[in-house]
Amino acid sequence: MNKKLITALLFAPIILLGCASYNYTDAPPTLGMMYSKYAYLGYEGEPKSIEDVGIVTTDGLIKISSVDGYPVSGYKVLKTSGMYSGGRYQLHLLPGVHTLTMGFRDDRGGGSRSWSTSDITKTISLRKGQVIHLSLYGDGKLWTAKESDGSSALAVITSDFKELAEKAVTPK
């Protein structure tokens, strides 16, 4: 009996890895304010309709630090706060070719933390209404941002964005 249990426990992570959907919903939801939700607006002015921009999402571990050489910290951000920095992340950009600079940080509260020691750059091409999802991929020595089609999570992305936009407080 113990051999069967041990075998099942060893193979469960392998099976789960094979089933990963690699989209926005893979990032942890807020779980009662444990994680955060973010929407960065990489353009000037008021929030645009999701149909008029391209969206980059991440698995919550990848942290985009700049777009086309401009720090993401300078963009307008709609955010919920949580205990951990990982979470559901959206970057709204105007259509076109963009160069992203990014690192990763894993602080999901399991007692262990890891982070990249250097940034990588990735060039993407976005169309209106397109969702590109970036997820952390590595072999223990090198890492990269695996790019995939994130359109299957568009309903959740739209719902989260609507919630974030409604909660945004405009300073007086």
C-alpha atoms as a PDB file:
ATOM      1  CA  MET A   1       0.000   0.000   0.000  1.00  0.00           C
ATOM      2  CA  ASN A   2       2.764   2.468   0.863  1.00  0.00           C
ATOM      3  CA  LYS A   3       4.515   1.814  -2.478  1.00  0.00           C
ATOM      4  CA  LYS A   4       1.333   2.721  -4.369  1.00  0.00           C
ATOM      5  CA  LEU A   5       0.912   5.918  -2.385  1.00  0.00           C
ATOM      6  CA  ILE A   6       4.538   6.940  -2.904  1.00  0.00           C
ATOM      7  CA  THR A   7       4.314   6.194  -6.630  1.00  0.00           C
ATOM      8  CA  ALA A   8       1.115   8.238  -6.918  1.00  0.00           C
ATOM      9  CA  LEU A   9       2.706  11.177  -5.100  1.00  0.00           C
ATOM     10  CA  LEU A  10       5.768  11.055  -7.340  1.00  0.00           C
ATOM     11  CA  PHE A  11       3.788  10.973 -10.577  1.00  0.00           C
ATOM     12  CA  ALA A  12       1.160  13.580  -9.628  1.00  0.00           C
ATOM     13  CA  PRO A  13       3.428  16.597 -10.321  1.00  0.00           C
ATOM     14  CA  ILE A  14       4.480  15.124 -13.679  1.00  0.00           C
ATOM     15  CA  ILE A  15       0.867  14.619 -14.689  1.00  0.00           C
ATOM     16  CA  LEU A  16      -0.066  18.136 -13.551  1.00  0.00           C
ATOM     17  CA  LEU A  17       2.820  19.646 -15.514  1.00  0.00           C
ATOM     18  CA  GLY A  18       1.626  17.868 -18.640  1.00  0.00           C
ATOM     19  CA  CYS A  19      -1.856  19.327 -18.190  1.00  0.00           C
ATOM     20  CA  ALA A  20      -0.847  22.958 -17.753  1.00  0.00           C
ATOM     21  CA  SER A  21      -2.901  25.282 -19.892  1.00  0.00           C
ATOM     22  CA  TYR A  22      -0.304  28.083 -19.990  1.00  0.00           C
ATOM     23  CA  ASN A  23      -2.697  30.992 -19.798  1.00  0.00           C
ATOM     24  CA  TYR A  24      -3.651  33.836 -17.480  1.00  0.00           C
ATOM     25  CA  THR A  25      -5.696  31.568 -15.231  1.00  0.00           C
ATOM     26  CA  ASP A  26      -2.540  29.585 -14.330  1.00  0.00           C
ATOM     27  CA  ALA A  27      -1.438  32.575 -12.221  1.00  0.00           C
ATOM     28  CA  PRO A  28      -2.849  32.453  -8.719  1.00  0.00           C
ATOM     29  CA  PRO A  29      -6.094  34.347  -8.216  1.00  0.00           C
ATOM     30  CA  THR A  30      -6.275  36.693  -5.248  1.00  0.00           C
ATOM     31  CA  LEU A  31      -7.297  33.873  -2.868  1.00  0.00           C
ATOM     32  CA  GLY A  32      -8.760  36.233  -0.305  1.00  0.00           C
ATOM     33  CA  MET A  33      -6.128  38.940  -0.774  1.00  0.00           C
ATOM     34  CA  MET A  34      -3.179  36.528  -0.709  1.00  0.00           C
ATOM     35  CA  TYR A  35      -2.051  37.427  -4.243  1.00  0.00           C
ATOM     36  CA  SER A  36      -2.503  40.575  -6.316  1.00  0.00           C
ATOM     37  CA  LYS A  37      -4.151  41.419  -9.622  1.00  0.00           C
ATOM     38  CA  TYR A  38      -2.454  43.976 -11.870  1.00  0.00           C
ATOM     39  CA  ALA A  39      -3.313  45.802 -15.068  1.00  0.00           C
ATOM     40  CA  TYR A  40      -0.637  48.147 -16.417  1.00  0.00           C
ATOM     41  CA  LEU A  41      -1.736  50.593 -19.113  1.00  0.00           C
ATOM     42  CA  GLY A  42       1.172  51.049 -21.527  1.00  0.00           C
ATOM     43  CA  TYR A  43      -0.304  54.086 -23.249  1.00  0.00           C
ATOM     44  CA  GLU A  44      -1.437  57.623 -22.399  1.00  0.00           C
ATOM     45  CA  GLY A  45      -4.925  58.594 -21.302  1.00  0.00           C
ATOM     46  CA  GLU A  46      -7.913  56.731 -19.980  1.00  0.00           C
ATOM     47  CA  PRO A  47      -8.252  52.934 -20.130  1.00  0.00           C
ATOM     48  CA  LYS A  48      -9.033  51.730 -23.657  1.00  0.00           C
ATOM     49  CA  SER A  49     -11.346  48.900 -24.591  1.00  0.00           C
ATOM     50  CA  ILE A  50      -9.692  45.479 -24.564  1.00  0.00           C
ATOM     51  CA  GLU A  51     -10.619  45.150 -28.251  1.00  0.00           C
ATOM     52  CA  ASP A  52      -8.455  48.207 -29.085  1.00  0.00           C
ATOM     53  CA  VAL A  53      -5.212  47.057 -27.439  1.00  0.00           C
ATOM     54  CA  GLY A  54      -3.017  43.972 -27.270  1.00  0.00           C
ATOM     55  CA  ILE A  55      -2.562  42.316 -23.895  1.00  0.00           C
ATOM     56  CA  VAL A  56       0.464  40.565 -22.421  1.00  0.00           C
ATOM     57  CA  THR A  57      -0.223  38.337 -19.409  1.00  0.00           C
ATOM     58  CA  THR A  58       2.214  36.405 -17.252  1.00  0.00           C
ATOM     59  CA  ASP A  59       2.108  33.417 -14.965  1.00  0.00           C
ATOM     60  CA  GLY A  60       2.610  35.730 -11.981  1.00  0.00           C
ATOM     61  CA  LEU A  61       6.301  34.842 -11.662  1.00  0.00           C
ATOM     62  CA  ILE A  62       7.636  36.851 -14.596  1.00  0.00           C
ATOM     63  CA  LYS A  63       8.055  40.533 -13.805  1.00  0.00           C
ATOM     64  CA  ILE A  64       8.212  42.869 -16.817  1.00  0.00           C
ATOM     65  CA  SER A  65      10.393  45.845 -15.912  1.00  0.00           C
ATOM     66  CA  SER A  66      10.350  47.857 -19.151  1.00  0.00           C
ATOM     67  CA  VAL A  67       8.670  48.098 -22.540  1.00  0.00           C
ATOM     68  CA  ASP A  68      10.642  49.608 -25.405  1.00  0.00           C
ATOM     69  CA  GLY A  69      13.127  50.972 -22.860  1.00  0.00           C
ATOM     70  CA  TYR A  70      10.438  52.739 -20.809  1.00  0.00           C
ATOM     71  CA  PRO A  71      10.055  51.539 -17.170  1.00  0.00           C
ATOM     72  CA  VAL A  72       6.728  49.842 -16.483  1.00  0.00           C
ATOM     73  CA  SER A  73       6.730  51.643 -13.130  1.00  0.00           C
ATOM     74  CA  GLY A  74       5.921  54.819 -15.106  1.00  0.00           C
ATOM     75  CA  TYR A  75       2.683  53.368 -16.478  1.00  0.00           C
ATOM     76  CA  LYS A  76      -0.728  53.828 -14.900  1.00  0.00           C
ATOM     77  CA  VAL A  77      -1.469  50.719 -12.853  1.00  0.00           C
ATOM     78  CA  LEU A  78      -4.777  49.304 -11.679  1.00  0.00           C
ATOM     79  CA  LYS A  79      -4.055  46.953  -8.808  1.00  0.00           C
ATOM     80  CA  THR A  80      -5.370  44.974  -5.885  1.00  0.00           C
ATOM     81  CA  SER A  81      -2.882  44.379  -3.092  1.00  0.00           C
ATOM     82  CA  GLY A  82      -1.991  41.029  -1.662  1.00  0.00           C
ATOM     83  CA  MET A  83       0.616  39.505   0.619  1.00  0.00           C
ATOM     84  CA  TYR A  84       2.683  38.106  -2.258  1.00  0.00           C
ATOM     85  CA  SER A  85       3.838  39.908  -5.382  1.00  0.00           C
ATOM     86  CA  GLY A  86       2.816  37.126  -7.763  1.00  0.00           C
ATOM     87  CA  GLY A  87      -0.652  37.039  -9.202  1.00  0.00           C
ATOM     88  CA  ARG A  88      -2.675  37.792 -12.275  1.00  0.00           C
ATOM     89  CA  TYR A  89      -0.779  40.305 -14.393  1.00  0.00           C
ATOM     90  CA  GLN A  90      -2.010  42.182 -17.492  1.00  0.00           C
ATOM     91  CA  LEU A  91       0.005  44.635 -19.587  1.00  0.00           C
ATOM     92  CA  HIS A  92      -2.134  46.559 -22.090  1.00  0.00           C
ATOM     93  CA  LEU A  93      -0.167  47.895 -25.081  1.00  0.00           C
ATOM     94  CA  LEU A  94      -1.048  49.577 -28.330  1.00  0.00           C
ATOM     95  CA  PRO A  95      -0.729  47.273 -31.349  1.00  0.00           C
ATOM     96  CA  GLY A  96       2.771  46.971 -32.803  1.00  0.00           C
ATOM     97  CA  VAL A  97       6.197  45.503 -32.122  1.00  0.00           C
ATOM     98  CA  HIS A  98       7.484  45.879 -28.557  1.00  0.00           C
ATOM     99  CA  THR A  99      10.670  44.878 -26.741  1.00  0.00           C
ATOM    100  CA  LEU A 100      10.062  43.664 -23.189  1.00  0.00           C
ATOM    101  CA  THR A 101      12.741  43.468 -20.500  1.00  0.00           C
ATOM    102  CA  MET A 102      11.901  41.042 -17.709  1.00  0.00           C
ATOM    103  CA  GLY A 103      13.087  39.012 -14.768  1.00  0.00           C
ATOM    104  CA  PHE A 104      11.345  36.566 -12.492  1.00  0.00           C
ATOM    105  CA  ARG A 105      10.585  36.348  -8.803  1.00  0.00           C
ATOM    106  CA  ASP A 106       8.934  33.463  -7.033  1.00  0.00           C
ATOM    107  CA  ASP A 107       7.675  34.285  -3.544  1.00  0.00           C
ATOM    108  CA  ARG A 108       4.553  32.173  -3.350  1.00  0.00           C
ATOM    109  CA  GLY A 109       4.834  31.757   0.405  1.00  0.00           C
ATOM    110  CA  GLY A 110       6.159  28.200   0.504  1.00  0.00           C
ATOM    111  CA  GLY A 111       9.132  29.219   2.608  1.00  0.00           C
ATOM    112  CA  SER A 112      11.421  29.431  -0.391  1.00  0.00           C
ATOM    113  CA  ARG A 113      12.109  32.347  -2.696  1.00  0.00           C
ATOM    114  CA  SER A 114      13.911  32.461  -6.001  1.00  0.00           C
ATOM    115  CA  TRP A 115      14.652  35.222  -8.483  1.00  0.00           C
ATOM    116  CA  SER A 116      16.585  35.826 -11.653  1.00  0.00           C
ATOM    117  CA  THR A 117      20.073  37.264 -11.378  1.00  0.00           C
ATOM    118  CA  SER A 118      19.834  38.890 -14.782  1.00  0.00           C
ATOM    119  CA  ASP A 119      17.101  40.190 -17.061  1.00  0.00           C
ATOM    120  CA  ILE A 120      16.211  38.917 -20.508  1.00  0.00           C
ATOM    121  CA  THR A 121      14.646  40.757 -23.427  1.00  0.00           C
ATOM    122  CA  LYS A 122      11.926  39.457 -25.677  1.00  0.00           C
ATOM    123  CA  THR A 123      10.458  41.100 -28.773  1.00  0.00           C
ATOM    124  CA  ILE A 124       6.753  40.556 -29.386  1.00  0.00           C
ATOM    125  CA  SER A 125       4.317  41.702 -32.041  1.00  0.00           C
ATOM    126  CA  LEU A 126       0.802  42.517 -30.820  1.00  0.00           C
ATOM    127  CA  ARG A 127      -2.424  42.993 -32.761  1.00  0.00           C
ATOM    128  CA  LYS A 128      -5.660  44.552 -31.532  1.00  0.00           C
ATOM    129  CA  GLY A 129      -7.511  42.115 -29.272  1.00  0.00           C
ATOM    130  CA  GLN A 130      -4.583  39.662 -29.155  1.00  0.00           C
ATOM    131  CA  VAL A 131      -3.435  38.085 -25.871  1.00  0.00           C
ATOM    132  CA  ILE A 132       0.137  36.843 -25.514  1.00  0.00           C
ATOM    133  CA  HIS A 133       0.859  34.856 -22.364  1.00  0.00           C
ATOM    134  CA  LEU A 134       4.384  34.580 -20.956  1.00  0.00           C
ATOM    135  CA  SER A 135       5.273  31.789 -18.558  1.00  0.00           C
ATOM    136  CA  LEU A 136       8.503  30.965 -16.786  1.00  0.00           C
ATOM    137  CA  TYR A 137      10.470  28.143 -18.363  1.00  0.00           C
ATOM    138  CA  GLY A 138      13.898  26.954 -17.302  1.00  0.00           C
ATOM    139  CA  ASP A 139      16.209  24.031 -16.812  1.00  0.00           C
ATOM    140  CA  GLY A 140      17.662  25.097 -13.448  1.00  0.00           C
ATOM    141  CA  LYS A 141      20.550  26.968 -15.073  1.00  0.00           C
ATOM    142  CA  LEU A 142      18.968  29.175 -17.732  1.00  0.00           C
ATOM    143  CA  TRP A 143      15.485  30.587 -17.928  1.00  0.00           C
ATOM    144  CA  THR A 144      13.303  32.144 -20.567  1.00  0.00           C
ATOM    145  CA  ALA A 145       9.772  33.424 -21.023  1.00  0.00           C
ATOM    146  CA  LYS A 146       7.763  30.880 -22.961  1.00  0.00           C
ATOM    147  CA  GLU A 147       5.277  32.617 -25.255  1.00  0.00           C
ATOM    148  CA  SER A 148       1.839  31.163 -25.917  1.00  0.00           C
ATOM    149  CA  ASP A 149      -1.598  32.217 -27.149  1.00  0.00           C
ATOM    150  CA  GLY A 150      -3.529  33.492 -24.138  1.00  0.00           C
ATOM    151  CA  SER A 151      -6.841  34.130 -25.880  1.00  0.00           C
ATOM    152  CA  SER A 152      -8.568  31.215 -24.131  1.00  0.00           C
ATOM    153  CA  ALA A 153      -8.493  33.268 -20.904  1.00  0.00           C
ATOM    154  CA  LEU A 154      -9.967  36.412 -22.477  1.00  0.00           C
ATOM    155  CA  ALA A 155     -13.228  36.184 -20.509  1.00  0.00           C
ATOM    156  CA  VAL A 156     -11.355  36.093 -17.178  1.00  0.00           C
ATOM    157  CA  ILE A 157      -8.948  38.826 -18.320  1.00  0.00           C
ATOM    158  CA  THR A 158     -11.893  41.036 -19.281  1.00  0.00           C
ATOM    159  CA  SER A 159     -13.686  40.364 -15.984  1.00  0.00           C
ATOM    160  CA  ASP A 160     -10.551  41.121 -13.930  1.00  0.00           C
ATOM    161  CA  PHE A 161      -9.883  44.292 -15.943  1.00  0.00           C
ATOM    162  CA  LYS A 162     -13.455  45.497 -15.430  1.00  0.00           C
ATOM    163  CA  GLU A 163     -13.149  44.842 -11.681  1.00  0.00           C
ATOM    164  CA  LEU A 164      -9.801  46.668 -11.486  1.00  0.00           C
ATOM    165  CA  ALA A 165     -11.075  49.647 -13.495  1.00  0.00           C
ATOM    166  CA  GLU A 166     -14.153  49.958 -11.262  1.00  0.00           C
ATOM    167  CA  LYS A 167     -12.006  49.899  -8.097  1.00  0.00           C
ATOM    168  CA  ALA A 168      -9.532  52.471  -9.436  1.00  0.00           C
ATOM    169  CA  VAL A 169      -9.592  55.599  -7.341  1.00  0.00           C
ATOM    170  CA  THR A 170      -9.026  58.851  -9.179  1.00  0.00           C
ATOM    171  CA  PRO A 171      -7.124  61.369  -7.007  1.00  0.00           C
ATOM    172  CA  LYS A 172      -8.949  64.660  -6.386  1.00  0.00           C
END
